């Protein structure tokens, strides 16, 4: 009976594990975009192998390309904790669009990560909407603030 109880305990603990996302290996892509603007409407960044790279596109995020030259080490300090700070509820959710990104020419926030060889993508309204919890609002606002700082 003790071995059965121990097995059930191990099974329960392993099913509650937290997903870990890192800045090395798989790319971590984030930024913001506007569908109705002139000039550079897309500001995306890729974190990979502990460096951050700016996008090389002016519009859209379907065919993203990134510079071969990383931004400064100082810029990397701004983004180094983004992967670890993703709210667990976002990783656990099947929702991939929050609010209505760029519906009223307000732009959208984009996040793309790879977890356990699976690419996950999210889009967020720049406004705080009812379908966003406090932790998701805080995280998407952080993505926007850091993207804005890097786009300077």
C-alpha atoms as a PDB file:
ATOM      1  CA  UNK A   1       0.000   0.000   0.000  1.00  0.00           C
ATOM      2  CA  UNK A   2       2.853   2.400   0.815  1.00  0.00           C
ATOM      3  CA  UNK A   3       4.411   1.882  -2.624  1.00  0.00           C
ATOM      4  CA  UNK A   4       1.079   2.606  -4.336  1.00  0.00           C
ATOM      5  CA  UNK A   5       0.674   5.822  -2.325  1.00  0.00           C
ATOM      6  CA  UNK A   6       4.225   6.841  -3.183  1.00  0.00           C
ATOM      7  CA  UNK A   7       3.620   6.164  -6.897  1.00  0.00           C
ATOM      8  CA  UNK A   8       0.431   8.263  -6.865  1.00  0.00           C
ATOM      9  CA  UNK A   9       2.249  11.105  -5.090  1.00  0.00           C
ATOM     10  CA  UNK A  10       5.043  11.081  -7.695  1.00  0.00           C
ATOM     11  CA  UNK A  11       2.479  11.034 -10.513  1.00  0.00           C
ATOM     12  CA  UNK A  12       0.610  14.012  -9.035  1.00  0.00           C
ATOM     13  CA  UNK A  13       3.760  16.041  -8.478  1.00  0.00           C
ATOM     14  CA  UNK A  14       5.050  15.416 -11.987  1.00  0.00           C
ATOM     15  CA  UNK A  15       1.755  16.497 -13.557  1.00  0.00           C
ATOM     16  CA  UNK A  16       1.932  19.882 -11.783  1.00  0.00           C
ATOM     17  CA  UNK A  17       5.364  20.875 -13.038  1.00  0.00           C
ATOM     18  CA  UNK A  18       5.983  24.375 -14.283  1.00  0.00           C
ATOM     19  CA  UNK A  19       6.957  24.877 -17.909  1.00  0.00           C
ATOM     20  CA  UNK A  20      10.414  26.398 -18.266  1.00  0.00           C
ATOM     21  CA  UNK A  21      11.281  28.806 -21.069  1.00  0.00           C
ATOM     22  CA  UNK A  22      14.863  29.984 -21.526  1.00  0.00           C
ATOM     23  CA  UNK A  23      16.813  32.548 -23.556  1.00  0.00           C
ATOM     24  CA  UNK A  24      19.214  30.045 -25.059  1.00  0.00           C
ATOM     25  CA  UNK A  25      18.670  27.555 -27.842  1.00  0.00           C
ATOM     26  CA  UNK A  26      15.182  28.229 -29.169  1.00  0.00           C
ATOM     27  CA  UNK A  27      14.241  31.747 -30.280  1.00  0.00           C
ATOM     28  CA  UNK A  28      12.019  33.955 -28.146  1.00  0.00           C
ATOM     29  CA  UNK A  29      10.314  36.581 -30.346  1.00  0.00           C
ATOM     30  CA  UNK A  30       8.347  39.565 -29.094  1.00  0.00           C
ATOM     31  CA  UNK A  31       7.371  43.066 -30.103  1.00  0.00           C
ATOM     32  CA  UNK A  32       4.561  45.259 -31.321  1.00  0.00           C
ATOM     33  CA  UNK A  33       2.991  46.127 -34.651  1.00  0.00           C
ATOM     34  CA  UNK A  34       0.500  48.446 -36.324  1.00  0.00           C
ATOM     35  CA  UNK A  35      -1.494  47.455 -39.385  1.00  0.00           C
ATOM     36  CA  UNK A  36      -2.420  50.950 -40.545  1.00  0.00           C
ATOM     37  CA  UNK A  37       0.629  53.158 -40.412  1.00  0.00           C
ATOM     38  CA  UNK A  38       3.328  54.613 -42.615  1.00  0.00           C
ATOM     39  CA  UNK A  39       7.000  53.782 -42.278  1.00  0.00           C
ATOM     40  CA  UNK A  40       8.228  51.105 -39.914  1.00  0.00           C
ATOM     41  CA  UNK A  41       5.063  49.526 -38.495  1.00  0.00           C
ATOM     42  CA  UNK A  42       6.679  46.421 -36.988  1.00  0.00           C
ATOM     43  CA  UNK A  43       9.096  46.402 -34.076  1.00  0.00           C
ATOM     44  CA  UNK A  44      10.010  42.806 -33.288  1.00  0.00           C
ATOM     45  CA  UNK A  45      12.985  41.371 -31.448  1.00  0.00           C
ATOM     46  CA  UNK A  46      14.433  37.912 -31.175  1.00  0.00           C
ATOM     47  CA  UNK A  47      16.264  36.652 -28.109  1.00  0.00           C
ATOM     48  CA  UNK A  48      18.488  33.687 -28.816  1.00  0.00           C
ATOM     49  CA  UNK A  49      21.691  32.441 -27.243  1.00  0.00           C
ATOM     50  CA  UNK A  50      21.661  35.252 -24.672  1.00  0.00           C
ATOM     51  CA  UNK A  51      21.599  38.056 -27.240  1.00  0.00           C
ATOM     52  CA  UNK A  52      18.792  40.213 -28.660  1.00  0.00           C
ATOM     53  CA  UNK A  53      18.384  40.960 -32.377  1.00  0.00           C
ATOM     54  CA  UNK A  54      16.116  43.568 -34.058  1.00  0.00           C
ATOM     55  CA  UNK A  55      13.822  42.704 -36.961  1.00  0.00           C
ATOM     56  CA  UNK A  56      14.576  43.675 -40.556  1.00  0.00           C
ATOM     57  CA  UNK A  57      10.993  44.202 -41.696  1.00  0.00           C
ATOM     58  CA  UNK A  58       8.866  47.331 -41.803  1.00  0.00           C
ATOM     59  CA  UNK A  59       5.434  45.768 -42.012  1.00  0.00           C
ATOM     60  CA  UNK A  60       3.811  42.569 -40.762  1.00  0.00           C
ATOM     61  CA  UNK A  61       5.136  39.663 -38.776  1.00  0.00           C
ATOM     62  CA  UNK A  62       4.383  36.647 -40.961  1.00  0.00           C
ATOM     63  CA  UNK A  63       7.787  36.548 -42.626  1.00  0.00           C
ATOM     64  CA  UNK A  64      10.003  37.887 -39.868  1.00  0.00           C
ATOM     65  CA  UNK A  65      13.712  38.333 -40.538  1.00  0.00           C
ATOM     66  CA  UNK A  66      16.215  39.471 -37.957  1.00  0.00           C
ATOM     67  CA  UNK A  67      19.546  41.248 -38.153  1.00  0.00           C
ATOM     68  CA  UNK A  68      22.742  39.216 -37.919  1.00  0.00           C
ATOM     69  CA  UNK A  69      24.093  41.866 -35.553  1.00  0.00           C
ATOM     70  CA  UNK A  70      22.847  41.741 -31.954  1.00  0.00           C
ATOM     71  CA  UNK A  71      21.922  44.835 -30.013  1.00  0.00           C
ATOM     72  CA  UNK A  72      24.179  45.908 -27.163  1.00  0.00           C
ATOM     73  CA  UNK A  73      24.806  43.943 -23.992  1.00  0.00           C
ATOM     74  CA  UNK A  74      23.009  46.784 -22.187  1.00  0.00           C
ATOM     75  CA  UNK A  75      19.929  46.132 -24.326  1.00  0.00           C
ATOM     76  CA  UNK A  76      20.114  42.437 -23.530  1.00  0.00           C
ATOM     77  CA  UNK A  77      19.894  43.302 -19.828  1.00  0.00           C
ATOM     78  CA  UNK A  78      16.420  44.741 -20.526  1.00  0.00           C
ATOM     79  CA  UNK A  79      15.169  41.441 -21.982  1.00  0.00           C
ATOM     80  CA  UNK A  80      17.104  38.790 -20.084  1.00  0.00           C
ATOM     81  CA  UNK A  81      14.235  37.899 -17.720  1.00  0.00           C
ATOM     82  CA  UNK A  82      11.356  37.938 -20.228  1.00  0.00           C
ATOM     83  CA  UNK A  83      11.417  34.187 -20.830  1.00  0.00           C
ATOM     84  CA  UNK A  84      11.377  33.312 -17.133  1.00  0.00           C
ATOM     85  CA  UNK A  85       8.677  35.903 -16.395  1.00  0.00           C
ATOM     86  CA  UNK A  86       5.979  34.456 -18.695  1.00  0.00           C
ATOM     87  CA  UNK A  87       2.886  33.856 -16.566  1.00  0.00           C
ATOM     88  CA  UNK A  88       2.273  30.128 -16.156  1.00  0.00           C
ATOM     89  CA  UNK A  89      -1.419  30.665 -16.912  1.00  0.00           C
ATOM     90  CA  UNK A  90      -0.446  31.943 -20.380  1.00  0.00           C
ATOM     91  CA  UNK A  91       1.581  28.793 -21.016  1.00  0.00           C
ATOM     92  CA  UNK A  92      -1.274  26.608 -19.741  1.00  0.00           C
ATOM     93  CA  UNK A  93      -3.977  28.388 -21.752  1.00  0.00           C
ATOM     94  CA  UNK A  94      -5.188  27.373 -25.207  1.00  0.00           C
ATOM     95  CA  UNK A  95      -6.070  31.021 -25.934  1.00  0.00           C
ATOM     96  CA  UNK A  96      -3.704  32.630 -28.434  1.00  0.00           C
ATOM     97  CA  UNK A  97      -5.452  35.966 -29.071  1.00  0.00           C
ATOM     98  CA  UNK A  98      -6.374  38.319 -26.236  1.00  0.00           C
ATOM     99  CA  UNK A  99      -8.678  41.238 -26.899  1.00  0.00           C
ATOM    100  CA  UNK A 100      -8.813  42.456 -30.488  1.00  0.00           C
ATOM    101  CA  UNK A 101      -5.223  43.265 -31.510  1.00  0.00           C
ATOM    102  CA  UNK A 102      -4.992  46.215 -33.932  1.00  0.00           C
ATOM    103  CA  UNK A 103      -8.771  46.349 -34.462  1.00  0.00           C
ATOM    104  CA  UNK A 104      -9.116  50.088 -33.918  1.00  0.00           C
ATOM    105  CA  UNK A 105      -5.683  50.955 -35.323  1.00  0.00           C
ATOM    106  CA  UNK A 106      -4.388  50.606 -31.792  1.00  0.00           C
ATOM    107  CA  UNK A 107      -1.703  48.102 -32.654  1.00  0.00           C
ATOM    108  CA  UNK A 108      -0.971  44.724 -31.214  1.00  0.00           C
ATOM    109  CA  UNK A 109       1.655  42.968 -29.145  1.00  0.00           C
ATOM    110  CA  UNK A 110       3.178  39.716 -30.383  1.00  0.00           C
ATOM    111  CA  UNK A 111       4.905  36.879 -28.554  1.00  0.00           C
ATOM    112  CA  UNK A 112       6.348  33.675 -30.014  1.00  0.00           C
ATOM    113  CA  UNK A 113       8.223  31.028 -28.051  1.00  0.00           C
ATOM    114  CA  UNK A 114       9.199  27.405 -28.394  1.00  0.00           C
ATOM    115  CA  UNK A 115       8.384  25.082 -25.506  1.00  0.00           C
ATOM    116  CA  UNK A 116       9.272  21.400 -25.705  1.00  0.00           C
ATOM    117  CA  UNK A 117       9.741  21.689 -29.510  1.00  0.00           C
ATOM    118  CA  UNK A 118       6.275  23.258 -29.900  1.00  0.00           C
ATOM    119  CA  UNK A 119       6.022  26.801 -31.290  1.00  0.00           C
ATOM    120  CA  UNK A 120       3.492  28.884 -29.371  1.00  0.00           C
ATOM    121  CA  UNK A 121       2.275  32.293 -30.609  1.00  0.00           C
ATOM    122  CA  UNK A 122       0.120  34.926 -28.941  1.00  0.00           C
ATOM    123  CA  UNK A 123      -1.286  38.285 -29.954  1.00  0.00           C
ATOM    124  CA  UNK A 124      -2.483  40.832 -27.417  1.00  0.00           C
ATOM    125  CA  UNK A 125      -4.589  43.948 -27.733  1.00  0.00           C
ATOM    126  CA  UNK A 126      -2.661  47.009 -26.571  1.00  0.00           C
ATOM    127  CA  UNK A 127      -5.698  47.862 -24.420  1.00  0.00           C
ATOM    128  CA  UNK A 128      -6.369  45.867 -21.264  1.00  0.00           C
ATOM    129  CA  UNK A 129      -9.396  43.695 -22.019  1.00  0.00           C
ATOM    130  CA  UNK A 130     -11.703  41.511 -19.918  1.00  0.00           C
ATOM    131  CA  UNK A 131     -10.130  38.278 -21.142  1.00  0.00           C
ATOM    132  CA  UNK A 132      -6.736  39.247 -19.690  1.00  0.00           C
ATOM    133  CA  UNK A 133      -5.892  38.458 -16.085  1.00  0.00           C
ATOM    134  CA  UNK A 134      -3.770  40.868 -14.052  1.00  0.00           C
ATOM    135  CA  UNK A 135      -0.646  38.777 -14.677  1.00  0.00           C
ATOM    136  CA  UNK A 136      -1.238  38.665 -18.433  1.00  0.00           C
ATOM    137  CA  UNK A 137      -1.868  42.442 -18.520  1.00  0.00           C
ATOM    138  CA  UNK A 138       1.330  43.074 -16.578  1.00  0.00           C
ATOM    139  CA  UNK A 139       3.344  40.792 -18.853  1.00  0.00           C
ATOM    140  CA  UNK A 140       2.029  42.135 -22.174  1.00  0.00           C
ATOM    141  CA  UNK A 141       2.595  45.692 -20.907  1.00  0.00           C
ATOM    142  CA  UNK A 142       6.161  44.725 -20.020  1.00  0.00           C
ATOM    143  CA  UNK A 143       6.656  43.326 -23.547  1.00  0.00           C
ATOM    144  CA  UNK A 144       5.364  46.592 -25.012  1.00  0.00           C
ATOM    145  CA  UNK A 145       7.481  48.814 -22.755  1.00  0.00           C
ATOM    146  CA  UNK A 146      10.680  46.892 -23.473  1.00  0.00           C
ATOM    147  CA  UNK A 147       9.933  46.774 -27.223  1.00  0.00           C
ATOM    148  CA  UNK A 148       9.377  50.525 -27.199  1.00  0.00           C
ATOM    149  CA  UNK A 149      12.649  51.077 -25.358  1.00  0.00           C
ATOM    150  CA  UNK A 150      14.568  48.885 -27.812  1.00  0.00           C
ATOM    151  CA  UNK A 151      12.939  50.631 -30.796  1.00  0.00           C
ATOM    152  CA  UNK A 152      14.241  54.052 -29.795  1.00  0.00           C
END
